[in-house]
């Protein structure tokens, strides 16, 4: 799966890209925010655009979300890498 398929966007602060935000590659029901600039940041981003983005280290994500039908909380647990614009599940 490609990062570009997950509706990626950059968040910016004072014109500088600070986070990448995209749909969860596992459930596609919530968004994942990965900060790569600023104090205390865990991830490093390389690449020029979403087609070439690499994020290090891997992303282990656990989120509770409600679906659009019954609002019942669900839990999504995903662990994956973003390497050269590709999502690779761990």
C-alpha atoms as a PDB file:
ATOM      1  CA  UNK A   1       0.000   0.000   0.000  1.00  0.00           C
ATOM      2  CA  UNK A   2       1.239   3.483  -0.797  1.00  0.00           C
ATOM      3  CA  UNK A   3       1.203   6.418   1.605  1.00  0.00           C
ATOM      4  CA  UNK A   4      -0.472   8.466  -1.149  1.00  0.00           C
ATOM      5  CA  UNK A   5      -3.532   6.163  -0.889  1.00  0.00           C
ATOM      6  CA  UNK A   6      -4.067   7.255   2.743  1.00  0.00           C
ATOM      7  CA  UNK A   7      -4.960  10.932   2.140  1.00  0.00           C
ATOM      8  CA  UNK A   8      -1.679  12.288   3.544  1.00  0.00           C
ATOM      9  CA  UNK A   9      -1.277  15.925   4.525  1.00  0.00           C
ATOM     10  CA  UNK A  10       1.468  17.929   6.176  1.00  0.00           C
ATOM     11  CA  UNK A  11       0.820  20.088   9.230  1.00  0.00           C
ATOM     12  CA  UNK A  12       2.892  23.234   9.339  1.00  0.00           C
ATOM     13  CA  UNK A  13       3.974  25.724  11.980  1.00  0.00           C
ATOM     14  CA  UNK A  14       5.231  29.096  10.753  1.00  0.00           C
ATOM     15  CA  UNK A  15       5.583  27.673   7.233  1.00  0.00           C
ATOM     16  CA  UNK A  16       7.702  24.693   8.332  1.00  0.00           C
ATOM     17  CA  UNK A  17       6.421  21.127   7.956  1.00  0.00           C
ATOM     18  CA  UNK A  18       6.166  19.552  11.409  1.00  0.00           C
ATOM     19  CA  UNK A  19       3.872  16.493  11.082  1.00  0.00           C
ATOM     20  CA  UNK A  20       2.509  14.107   8.528  1.00  0.00           C
ATOM     21  CA  UNK A  21      -1.141  13.110   8.987  1.00  0.00           C
ATOM     22  CA  UNK A  22      -2.750  10.181   7.170  1.00  0.00           C
ATOM     23  CA  UNK A  23      -5.507   7.575   7.380  1.00  0.00           C
ATOM     24  CA  UNK A  24      -4.738   4.458   9.402  1.00  0.00           C
ATOM     25  CA  UNK A  25      -3.456   1.853   6.925  1.00  0.00           C
ATOM     26  CA  UNK A  26      -5.126  -0.958   8.874  1.00  0.00           C
ATOM     27  CA  UNK A  27      -8.708   0.194   9.513  1.00  0.00           C
ATOM     28  CA  UNK A  28      -8.866   3.496   7.541  1.00  0.00           C
ATOM     29  CA  UNK A  29     -11.355   4.801  10.159  1.00  0.00           C
ATOM     30  CA  UNK A  30      -9.103   7.253  11.986  1.00  0.00           C
ATOM     31  CA  UNK A  31      -6.124   9.498  11.245  1.00  0.00           C
ATOM     32  CA  UNK A  32      -2.561   9.033  12.448  1.00  0.00           C
ATOM     33  CA  UNK A  33      -0.378  12.044  13.283  1.00  0.00           C
ATOM     34  CA  UNK A  34       3.392  11.591  13.163  1.00  0.00           C
ATOM     35  CA  UNK A  35       5.464  14.580  14.330  1.00  0.00           C
ATOM     36  CA  UNK A  36       8.929  14.816  12.780  1.00  0.00           C
ATOM     37  CA  UNK A  37      10.053  18.322  13.752  1.00  0.00           C
ATOM     38  CA  UNK A  38      10.201  20.082  17.089  1.00  0.00           C
ATOM     39  CA  UNK A  39      11.288  19.445  20.630  1.00  0.00           C
ATOM     40  CA  UNK A  40      11.161  15.852  21.881  1.00  0.00           C
ATOM     41  CA  UNK A  41      10.203  14.399  18.484  1.00  0.00           C
ATOM     42  CA  UNK A  42      10.630  10.643  18.108  1.00  0.00           C
ATOM     43  CA  UNK A  43      10.429  10.288  14.307  1.00  0.00           C
ATOM     44  CA  UNK A  44      12.731  11.379  11.530  1.00  0.00           C
ATOM     45  CA  UNK A  45      11.407  12.052   8.023  1.00  0.00           C
ATOM     46  CA  UNK A  46      13.384  11.810   4.814  1.00  0.00           C
ATOM     47  CA  UNK A  47      12.226  12.175   1.235  1.00  0.00           C
ATOM     48  CA  UNK A  48      10.914  15.001  -0.915  1.00  0.00           C
ATOM     49  CA  UNK A  49       7.201  14.197  -1.128  1.00  0.00           C
ATOM     50  CA  UNK A  50       4.684  11.533  -0.085  1.00  0.00           C
ATOM     51  CA  UNK A  51       5.925   9.203  -2.855  1.00  0.00           C
ATOM     52  CA  UNK A  52       9.441   9.181  -1.375  1.00  0.00           C
ATOM     53  CA  UNK A  53       8.767   9.701   2.360  1.00  0.00           C
ATOM     54  CA  UNK A  54      10.501   7.443   4.871  1.00  0.00           C
ATOM     55  CA  UNK A  55       9.675   7.707   8.579  1.00  0.00           C
ATOM     56  CA  UNK A  56      11.990   6.213  11.187  1.00  0.00           C
ATOM     57  CA  UNK A  57      11.514   4.358  13.481  1.00  0.00           C
ATOM     58  CA  UNK A  58       8.471   2.156  12.838  1.00  0.00           C
ATOM     59  CA  UNK A  59       4.994   3.281  13.882  1.00  0.00           C
ATOM     60  CA  UNK A  60       3.186   1.232  16.537  1.00  0.00           C
ATOM     61  CA  UNK A  61      -0.241   2.776  16.848  1.00  0.00           C
ATOM     62  CA  UNK A  62      -3.145   1.936  19.159  1.00  0.00           C
ATOM     63  CA  UNK A  63      -6.312   3.992  18.926  1.00  0.00           C
ATOM     64  CA  UNK A  64      -9.910   3.814  20.086  1.00  0.00           C
ATOM     65  CA  UNK A  65     -12.394   5.108  17.553  1.00  0.00           C
ATOM     66  CA  UNK A  66     -16.132   5.060  16.940  1.00  0.00           C
ATOM     67  CA  UNK A  67     -17.547   3.956  13.628  1.00  0.00           C
ATOM     68  CA  UNK A  68     -20.165   6.041  11.873  1.00  0.00           C
ATOM     69  CA  UNK A  69     -23.022   3.647  12.549  1.00  0.00           C
ATOM     70  CA  UNK A  70     -23.299   2.881  16.245  1.00  0.00           C
ATOM     71  CA  UNK A  71     -20.600   5.086  17.814  1.00  0.00           C
ATOM     72  CA  UNK A  72     -19.377   2.044  19.717  1.00  0.00           C
ATOM     73  CA  UNK A  73     -15.698   2.334  20.565  1.00  0.00           C
ATOM     74  CA  UNK A  74     -13.401  -0.009  18.695  1.00  0.00           C
ATOM     75  CA  UNK A  75      -9.692  -0.546  19.103  1.00  0.00           C
ATOM     76  CA  UNK A  76      -7.265  -0.475  16.222  1.00  0.00           C
ATOM     77  CA  UNK A  77      -3.720  -1.686  16.718  1.00  0.00           C
ATOM     78  CA  UNK A  78      -1.325  -1.325  13.847  1.00  0.00           C
ATOM     79  CA  UNK A  79       2.431  -1.613  13.567  1.00  0.00           C
ATOM     80  CA  UNK A  80       4.086  -0.617  10.317  1.00  0.00           C
ATOM     81  CA  UNK A  81       6.953   1.116   8.571  1.00  0.00           C
ATOM     82  CA  UNK A  82       6.800   3.922   6.020  1.00  0.00           C
ATOM     83  CA  UNK A  83       9.669   3.303   3.599  1.00  0.00           C
ATOM     84  CA  UNK A  84      10.071   5.270   0.385  1.00  0.00           C
ATOM     85  CA  UNK A  85       6.340   6.032   0.261  1.00  0.00           C
ATOM     86  CA  UNK A  86       5.260   2.426   0.929  1.00  0.00           C
ATOM     87  CA  UNK A  87       3.434   1.105   4.000  1.00  0.00           C
ATOM     88  CA  UNK A  88       5.031  -2.140   5.178  1.00  0.00           C
ATOM     89  CA  UNK A  89       3.310  -3.959   8.035  1.00  0.00           C
ATOM     90  CA  UNK A  90       5.616  -5.293  10.742  1.00  0.00           C
END
